[in-house]
Amino acid sequence: MSAMRLKVLTPTRVLVDTPATKIVAEAANGHFCLLPRHVDFAAALIPGILYYTTETGEEALVAVDEGALVKCGAEVLVSALNAVAGTDLATLQATVADTFLTLDEDARRARSALARLESGVLRRLAALERAIHD
């Protein structure tokens, strides 16, 4: 059986770059399966687990955040904001929890810093407006 070339990309790295004989992912309207001879395809992915089978018959997993999947010929590109590879669901679940909780905390800190910055700008604009009118 021929294989597809699966690449899973995040903004900072190539997480997976391997031949695959079968890929299962999830879009908003449900799960779908790609095989090497399927037609070209594109889908918006929802957060979930992407399964793929290697040429040796092993199954591998990738937890993906929202993203996009494009199959063009024998190449399947998956682009996601966040993704974590694993070999079994239990390990992957723990890795996802650790990784995504860290990302959530980073996002919370960034939102807090942005809010402080915005309030500082508003205070300075109000002070400038008072100075102009005095």
N, C-alpha and C. Protein backbone atom coordinates (compact mmCIF):
# COMPACT_ATOMS: atom_id res chain seq x y z
N MET A 1 0.85 -1.18 0.00
CA MET A 1 0.00 0.00 0.00
C MET A 1 0.89 1.24 0.00
N SER A 2 0.55 2.23 -0.81
CA SER A 2 1.32 3.46 -0.83
C SER A 2 1.00 4.27 0.44
N ALA A 3 1.84 5.23 0.71
CA ALA A 3 1.67 6.03 1.92
C ALA A 3 1.53 7.50 1.57
N MET A 4 0.94 8.24 2.50
CA MET A 4 0.86 9.68 2.39
C MET A 4 2.00 10.25 3.24
N ARG A 5 2.34 11.48 3.01
CA ARG A 5 3.33 12.17 3.85
C ARG A 5 2.56 13.07 4.78
N LEU A 6 2.57 12.77 6.09
CA LEU A 6 1.87 13.57 7.09
C LEU A 6 2.84 14.55 7.73
N LYS A 7 2.46 15.81 7.71
CA LYS A 7 3.22 16.84 8.42
C LYS A 7 2.26 17.58 9.34
N VAL A 8 2.60 17.63 10.63
CA VAL A 8 1.82 18.40 11.59
C VAL A 8 2.69 19.58 12.00
N LEU A 9 2.17 20.78 11.74
CA LEU A 9 2.93 22.00 11.95
C LEU A 9 2.28 22.87 13.02
N THR A 10 3.10 23.47 13.88
CA THR A 10 2.64 24.50 14.80
C THR A 10 3.38 25.78 14.41
N PRO A 11 3.04 26.90 15.00
CA PRO A 11 3.74 28.13 14.62
C PRO A 11 5.25 28.09 14.87
N THR A 12 5.70 27.22 15.76
CA THR A 12 7.12 27.23 16.12
C THR A 12 7.91 26.02 15.65
N ARG A 13 7.22 24.97 15.16
CA ARG A 13 7.99 23.78 14.78
C ARG A 13 7.18 22.81 13.94
N VAL A 14 7.91 21.86 13.36
CA VAL A 14 7.29 20.73 12.67
C VAL A 14 7.24 19.61 13.70
N LEU A 15 6.05 19.26 14.16
CA LEU A 15 5.88 18.26 15.21
C LEU A 15 5.98 16.85 14.65
N VAL A 16 5.35 16.61 13.50
CA VAL A 16 5.35 15.28 12.87
C VAL A 16 5.69 15.45 11.40
N ASP A 17 6.56 14.61 10.89
CA ASP A 17 6.87 14.56 9.46
C ASP A 17 7.20 13.11 9.16
N THR A 18 6.18 12.35 8.73
CA THR A 18 6.33 10.91 8.59
C THR A 18 5.38 10.34 7.54
N PRO A 19 5.72 9.21 6.96
CA PRO A 19 4.76 8.53 6.09
C PRO A 19 3.62 7.94 6.92
N ALA A 20 2.42 7.98 6.37
CA ALA A 20 1.25 7.42 7.05
C ALA A 20 0.36 6.74 6.03
N THR A 21 -0.20 5.60 6.42
CA THR A 21 -1.10 4.88 5.52
C THR A 21 -2.56 5.18 5.79
N LYS A 22 -2.85 5.79 6.96
CA LYS A 22 -4.22 6.12 7.33
C LYS A 22 -4.17 7.28 8.32
N ILE A 23 -5.08 8.24 8.15
CA ILE A 23 -5.15 9.39 9.05
C ILE A 23 -6.61 9.60 9.42
N VAL A 24 -6.89 9.72 10.72
CA VAL A 24 -8.25 9.98 11.19
C VAL A 24 -8.20 11.26 12.02
N ALA A 25 -9.07 12.21 11.67
CA ALA A 25 -9.12 13.49 12.39
C ALA A 25 -10.57 13.89 12.58
N GLU A 26 -10.78 15.05 13.24
CA GLU A 26 -12.15 15.48 13.52
C GLU A 26 -12.36 16.92 13.11
N ALA A 27 -13.42 17.13 12.33
CA ALA A 27 -13.87 18.47 11.95
C ALA A 27 -15.17 18.76 12.70
N ALA A 28 -15.72 19.93 12.49
CA ALA A 28 -16.95 20.31 13.20
C ALA A 28 -18.12 19.37 12.90
N ASN A 29 -18.12 18.77 11.71
CA ASN A 29 -19.23 17.87 11.35
C ASN A 29 -18.91 16.40 11.62
N GLY A 30 -17.83 16.11 12.34
CA GLY A 30 -17.53 14.74 12.73
C GLY A 30 -16.16 14.25 12.29
N HIS A 31 -15.88 13.00 12.63
CA HIS A 31 -14.60 12.38 12.29
C HIS A 31 -14.56 12.00 10.80
N PHE A 32 -13.37 11.98 10.26
CA PHE A 32 -13.18 11.53 8.88
C PHE A 32 -11.86 10.78 8.79
N CYS A 33 -11.75 9.95 7.76
CA CYS A 33 -10.57 9.11 7.55
C CYS A 33 -10.00 9.41 6.17
N LEU A 34 -8.69 9.53 6.10
CA LEU A 34 -8.00 9.72 4.83
C LEU A 34 -7.11 8.52 4.54
N LEU A 35 -7.20 8.03 3.33
CA LEU A 35 -6.33 6.96 2.84
C LEU A 35 -5.55 7.49 1.64
N PRO A 36 -4.45 6.86 1.28
CA PRO A 36 -3.59 7.40 0.22
C PRO A 36 -4.28 7.74 -1.10
N ARG A 37 -5.25 6.97 -1.54
CA ARG A 37 -5.86 7.23 -2.84
C ARG A 37 -7.12 8.09 -2.79
N HIS A 38 -7.43 8.63 -1.61
CA HIS A 38 -8.60 9.51 -1.51
C HIS A 38 -8.35 10.80 -2.27
N VAL A 39 -9.44 11.45 -2.65
CA VAL A 39 -9.35 12.73 -3.37
C VAL A 39 -8.76 13.80 -2.47
N ASP A 40 -8.29 14.86 -3.09
CA ASP A 40 -7.78 15.99 -2.31
C ASP A 40 -8.89 16.51 -1.43
N PHE A 41 -8.50 17.06 -0.27
CA PHE A 41 -9.48 17.35 0.77
C PHE A 41 -8.95 18.46 1.66
N ALA A 42 -9.83 19.27 2.19
CA ALA A 42 -9.47 20.29 3.17
C ALA A 42 -10.54 20.33 4.25
N ALA A 43 -10.12 20.56 5.49
CA ALA A 43 -11.08 20.61 6.60
C ALA A 43 -10.55 21.52 7.70
N ALA A 44 -11.47 22.20 8.36
CA ALA A 44 -11.14 22.96 9.57
C ALA A 44 -11.25 21.99 10.74
N LEU A 45 -10.17 21.81 11.47
CA LEU A 45 -10.16 20.86 12.58
C LEU A 45 -10.62 21.53 13.87
N ILE A 46 -11.29 20.75 14.70
CA ILE A 46 -11.65 21.20 16.04
C ILE A 46 -10.65 20.56 17.01
N PRO A 47 -10.52 21.08 18.22
CA PRO A 47 -9.60 20.45 19.17
C PRO A 47 -9.97 18.98 19.38
N GLY A 48 -8.97 18.12 19.30
CA GLY A 48 -9.22 16.69 19.46
C GLY A 48 -7.97 15.88 19.19
N ILE A 49 -8.18 14.60 18.93
CA ILE A 49 -7.08 13.67 18.71
C ILE A 49 -7.03 13.29 17.24
N LEU A 50 -5.87 13.41 16.64
CA LEU A 50 -5.63 12.95 15.28
C LEU A 50 -4.88 11.62 15.41
N TYR A 51 -5.40 10.59 14.76
CA TYR A 51 -4.78 9.27 14.78
C TYR A 51 -4.14 9.03 13.42
N TYR A 52 -2.99 8.39 13.40
CA TYR A 52 -2.45 7.97 12.11
C TYR A 52 -1.75 6.63 12.25
N THR A 53 -1.71 5.90 11.14
CA THR A 53 -1.06 4.60 11.11
C THR A 53 0.20 4.74 10.27
N THR A 54 1.33 4.28 10.83
CA THR A 54 2.60 4.35 10.12
C THR A 54 2.69 3.23 9.10
N GLU A 55 3.72 3.28 8.27
CA GLU A 55 3.91 2.22 7.27
C GLU A 55 4.16 0.86 7.91
N THR A 56 4.63 0.84 9.15
CA THR A 56 4.88 -0.42 9.84
C THR A 56 3.64 -0.93 10.57
N GLY A 57 2.52 -0.18 10.47
CA GLY A 57 1.27 -0.62 11.10
C GLY A 57 1.07 -0.11 12.50
N GLU A 58 2.00 0.68 13.02
CA GLU A 58 1.84 1.23 14.37
C GLU A 58 0.89 2.42 14.33
N GLU A 59 0.11 2.57 15.41
CA GLU A 59 -0.78 3.73 15.51
C GLU A 59 -0.12 4.78 16.38
N ALA A 60 -0.24 6.03 15.98
CA ALA A 60 0.30 7.14 16.75
C ALA A 60 -0.79 8.20 16.90
N LEU A 61 -0.62 9.05 17.89
CA LEU A 61 -1.64 10.05 18.22
C LEU A 61 -1.02 11.44 18.27
N VAL A 62 -1.83 12.42 17.91
CA VAL A 62 -1.45 13.81 18.07
C VAL A 62 -2.67 14.56 18.58
N ALA A 63 -2.53 15.22 19.72
CA ALA A 63 -3.60 16.09 20.21
C ALA A 63 -3.42 17.43 19.51
N VAL A 64 -4.48 17.90 18.84
CA VAL A 64 -4.39 19.16 18.12
C VAL A 64 -5.42 20.15 18.63
N ASP A 65 -5.03 21.39 18.63
CA ASP A 65 -5.93 22.48 18.93
C ASP A 65 -6.68 22.78 17.63
N GLU A 66 -7.45 23.83 17.59
CA GLU A 66 -8.10 24.20 16.34
C GLU A 66 -7.04 24.36 15.26
N GLY A 67 -7.38 24.00 14.05
CA GLY A 67 -6.42 24.11 12.97
C GLY A 67 -7.04 23.76 11.63
N ALA A 68 -6.16 23.48 10.69
CA ALA A 68 -6.61 23.14 9.34
C ALA A 68 -5.85 21.93 8.84
N LEU A 69 -6.53 21.11 8.06
CA LEU A 69 -5.93 19.94 7.42
C LEU A 69 -6.16 20.08 5.93
N VAL A 70 -5.09 19.86 5.15
CA VAL A 70 -5.19 19.90 3.69
C VAL A 70 -4.49 18.67 3.14
N LYS A 71 -5.23 17.88 2.35
CA LYS A 71 -4.64 16.75 1.64
C LYS A 71 -4.54 17.15 0.17
N CYS A 72 -3.33 17.12 -0.34
CA CYS A 72 -3.10 17.45 -1.74
C CYS A 72 -2.18 16.37 -2.31
N GLY A 73 -2.74 15.50 -3.14
CA GLY A 73 -1.96 14.38 -3.64
C GLY A 73 -1.60 13.46 -2.50
N ALA A 74 -0.32 13.17 -2.37
CA ALA A 74 0.14 12.27 -1.31
C ALA A 74 0.59 13.02 -0.06
N GLU A 75 0.40 14.33 -0.03
CA GLU A 75 0.84 15.11 1.12
C GLU A 75 -0.36 15.56 1.94
N VAL A 76 -0.27 15.38 3.26
CA VAL A 76 -1.30 15.85 4.18
C VAL A 76 -0.63 16.80 5.16
N LEU A 77 -1.06 18.06 5.11
CA LEU A 77 -0.52 19.08 6.01
C LEU A 77 -1.57 19.43 7.04
N VAL A 78 -1.16 19.41 8.30
CA VAL A 78 -2.03 19.82 9.40
C VAL A 78 -1.34 20.99 10.07
N SER A 79 -2.04 22.09 10.18
CA SER A 79 -1.51 23.28 10.84
C SER A 79 -2.41 23.58 12.02
N ALA A 80 -1.81 23.66 13.21
CA ALA A 80 -2.58 23.91 14.41
C ALA A 80 -1.82 24.87 15.31
N LEU A 81 -2.55 25.66 16.07
CA LEU A 81 -1.93 26.59 16.99
C LEU A 81 -1.10 25.85 18.03
N ASN A 82 -1.64 24.76 18.54
CA ASN A 82 -0.95 23.91 19.51
C ASN A 82 -1.16 22.46 19.13
N ALA A 83 -0.14 21.65 19.35
CA ALA A 83 -0.26 20.21 19.11
C ALA A 83 0.77 19.48 19.96
N VAL A 84 0.39 18.28 20.38
CA VAL A 84 1.26 17.45 21.22
C VAL A 84 1.17 16.02 20.70
N ALA A 85 2.32 15.39 20.45
CA ALA A 85 2.35 14.01 19.97
C ALA A 85 2.43 13.05 21.14
N GLY A 86 1.92 11.83 20.95
CA GLY A 86 1.98 10.82 21.99
C GLY A 86 1.80 9.43 21.41
N THR A 87 2.03 8.42 22.25
CA THR A 87 1.91 7.05 21.79
C THR A 87 0.69 6.34 22.37
N ASP A 88 0.19 6.83 23.52
CA ASP A 88 -1.02 6.25 24.09
C ASP A 88 -1.86 7.36 24.71
N LEU A 89 -3.15 7.09 24.84
CA LEU A 89 -4.07 8.13 25.30
C LEU A 89 -3.78 8.63 26.70
N ALA A 90 -3.42 7.76 27.61
CA ALA A 90 -3.18 8.18 29.00
C ALA A 90 -2.00 9.15 29.07
N THR A 91 -0.90 8.80 28.43
CA THR A 91 0.27 9.67 28.43
C THR A 91 -0.04 10.97 27.71
N LEU A 92 -0.74 10.87 26.59
CA LEU A 92 -1.08 12.06 25.82
C LEU A 92 -1.99 12.98 26.63
N GLN A 93 -2.93 12.41 27.35
CA GLN A 93 -3.84 13.21 28.17
C GLN A 93 -3.07 13.99 29.22
N ALA A 94 -2.12 13.34 29.88
CA ALA A 94 -1.31 14.02 30.90
C ALA A 94 -0.46 15.12 30.26
N THR A 95 0.13 14.84 29.11
CA THR A 95 0.95 15.83 28.42
C THR A 95 0.12 17.02 27.99
N VAL A 96 -1.07 16.75 27.44
CA VAL A 96 -1.96 17.82 27.01
C VAL A 96 -2.36 18.68 28.20
N ALA A 97 -2.72 18.05 29.30
CA ALA A 97 -3.12 18.81 30.48
C ALA A 97 -1.99 19.73 30.94
N ASP A 98 -0.78 19.21 31.02
CA ASP A 98 0.36 20.02 31.44
C ASP A 98 0.62 21.15 30.45
N THR A 99 0.67 20.82 29.18
CA THR A 99 1.00 21.80 28.14
C THR A 99 -0.08 22.87 28.03
N PHE A 100 -1.34 22.45 27.93
CA PHE A 100 -2.40 23.42 27.71
C PHE A 100 -2.70 24.23 28.96
N LEU A 101 -2.51 23.66 30.16
CA LEU A 101 -2.67 24.45 31.38
C LEU A 101 -1.62 25.55 31.44
N THR A 102 -0.39 25.23 31.03
CA THR A 102 0.67 26.23 30.98
C THR A 102 0.30 27.32 29.98
N LEU A 103 -0.21 26.92 28.82
CA LEU A 103 -0.62 27.89 27.80
C LEU A 103 -1.76 28.76 28.32
N ASP A 104 -2.72 28.16 29.03
CA ASP A 104 -3.83 28.92 29.60
C ASP A 104 -3.33 29.96 30.59
N GLU A 105 -2.37 29.57 31.42
CA GLU A 105 -1.79 30.49 32.41
C GLU A 105 -1.05 31.62 31.70
N ASP A 106 -0.30 31.29 30.66
CA ASP A 106 0.41 32.31 29.87
C ASP A 106 -0.59 33.28 29.23
N ALA A 107 -1.67 32.75 28.69
CA ALA A 107 -2.70 33.60 28.07
C ALA A 107 -3.35 34.49 29.12
N ARG A 108 -3.60 33.96 30.31
CA ARG A 108 -4.20 34.76 31.38
C ARG A 108 -3.27 35.90 31.76
N ARG A 109 -1.97 35.62 31.89
CA ARG A 109 -1.01 36.67 32.22
C ARG A 109 -0.95 37.73 31.12
N ALA A 110 -0.99 37.28 29.87
CA ALA A 110 -0.94 38.23 28.75
C ALA A 110 -2.18 39.12 28.75
N ARG A 111 -3.36 38.53 29.00
CA ARG A 111 -4.60 39.33 29.05
C ARG A 111 -4.53 40.34 30.19
N SER A 112 -3.98 39.93 31.33
CA SER A 112 -3.86 40.83 32.47
C SER A 112 -2.90 41.98 32.16
N ALA A 113 -1.78 41.68 31.52
CA ALA A 113 -0.82 42.73 31.15
C ALA A 113 -1.45 43.69 30.14
N LEU A 114 -2.20 43.17 29.20
CA LEU A 114 -2.86 44.01 28.21
C LEU A 114 -3.89 44.91 28.87
N ALA A 115 -4.64 44.39 29.81
CA ALA A 115 -5.63 45.19 30.53
C ALA A 115 -4.95 46.32 31.30
N ARG A 116 -3.82 46.03 31.95
CA ARG A 116 -3.08 47.07 32.67
C ARG A 116 -2.57 48.14 31.71
N LEU A 117 -2.08 47.71 30.56
CA LEU A 117 -1.59 48.64 29.55
C LEU A 117 -2.73 49.53 29.04
N GLU A 118 -3.87 48.93 28.74
CA GLU A 118 -5.01 49.71 28.26
C GLU A 118 -5.48 50.71 29.30
N SER A 119 -5.56 50.31 30.57
CA SER A 119 -6.01 51.25 31.59
C SER A 119 -5.01 52.38 31.78
N GLY A 120 -3.71 52.10 31.65
CA GLY A 120 -2.69 53.14 31.74
C GLY A 120 -2.82 54.14 30.60
N VAL A 121 -3.08 53.66 29.40
CA VAL A 121 -3.26 54.56 28.25
C VAL A 121 -4.49 55.43 28.46
N LEU A 122 -5.58 54.84 28.94
CA LEU A 122 -6.80 55.62 29.18
C LEU A 122 -6.58 56.68 30.24
N ARG A 123 -5.85 56.34 31.32
CA ARG A 123 -5.56 57.33 32.36
C ARG A 123 -4.74 58.49 31.80
N ARG A 124 -3.76 58.18 30.97
CA ARG A 124 -2.91 59.23 30.39
C ARG A 124 -3.70 60.09 29.41
N LEU A 125 -4.59 59.48 28.64
CA LEU A 125 -5.43 60.26 27.73
C LEU A 125 -6.35 61.19 28.51
N ALA A 126 -6.91 60.69 29.61
CA ALA A 126 -7.79 61.52 30.44
C ALA A 126 -6.99 62.68 31.05
N ALA A 127 -5.78 62.42 31.50
CA ALA A 127 -4.92 63.47 32.05
C ALA A 127 -4.57 64.50 30.98
N LEU A 128 -4.28 64.04 29.78
CA LEU A 128 -3.96 64.94 28.67
C LEU A 128 -5.16 65.81 28.32
N GLU A 129 -6.35 65.19 28.31
CA GLU A 129 -7.56 65.94 28.01
C GLU A 129 -7.81 67.00 29.08
N ARG A 130 -7.60 66.67 30.35
CA ARG A 130 -7.77 67.65 31.44
C ARG A 130 -6.76 68.79 31.28
N ALA A 131 -5.52 68.45 30.92
CA ALA A 131 -4.49 69.48 30.75
C ALA A 131 -4.82 70.42 29.60
N ILE A 132 -5.41 69.90 28.55
CA ILE A 132 -5.77 70.72 27.39
C ILE A 132 -6.91 71.68 27.76
N HIS A 133 -7.85 71.22 28.55
CA HIS A 133 -9.02 72.03 28.91
C HIS A 133 -8.74 72.96 30.07
N ASP A 134 -7.65 72.84 30.75
CA ASP A 134 -7.34 73.74 31.90
C ASP A 134 -6.63 74.98 31.45
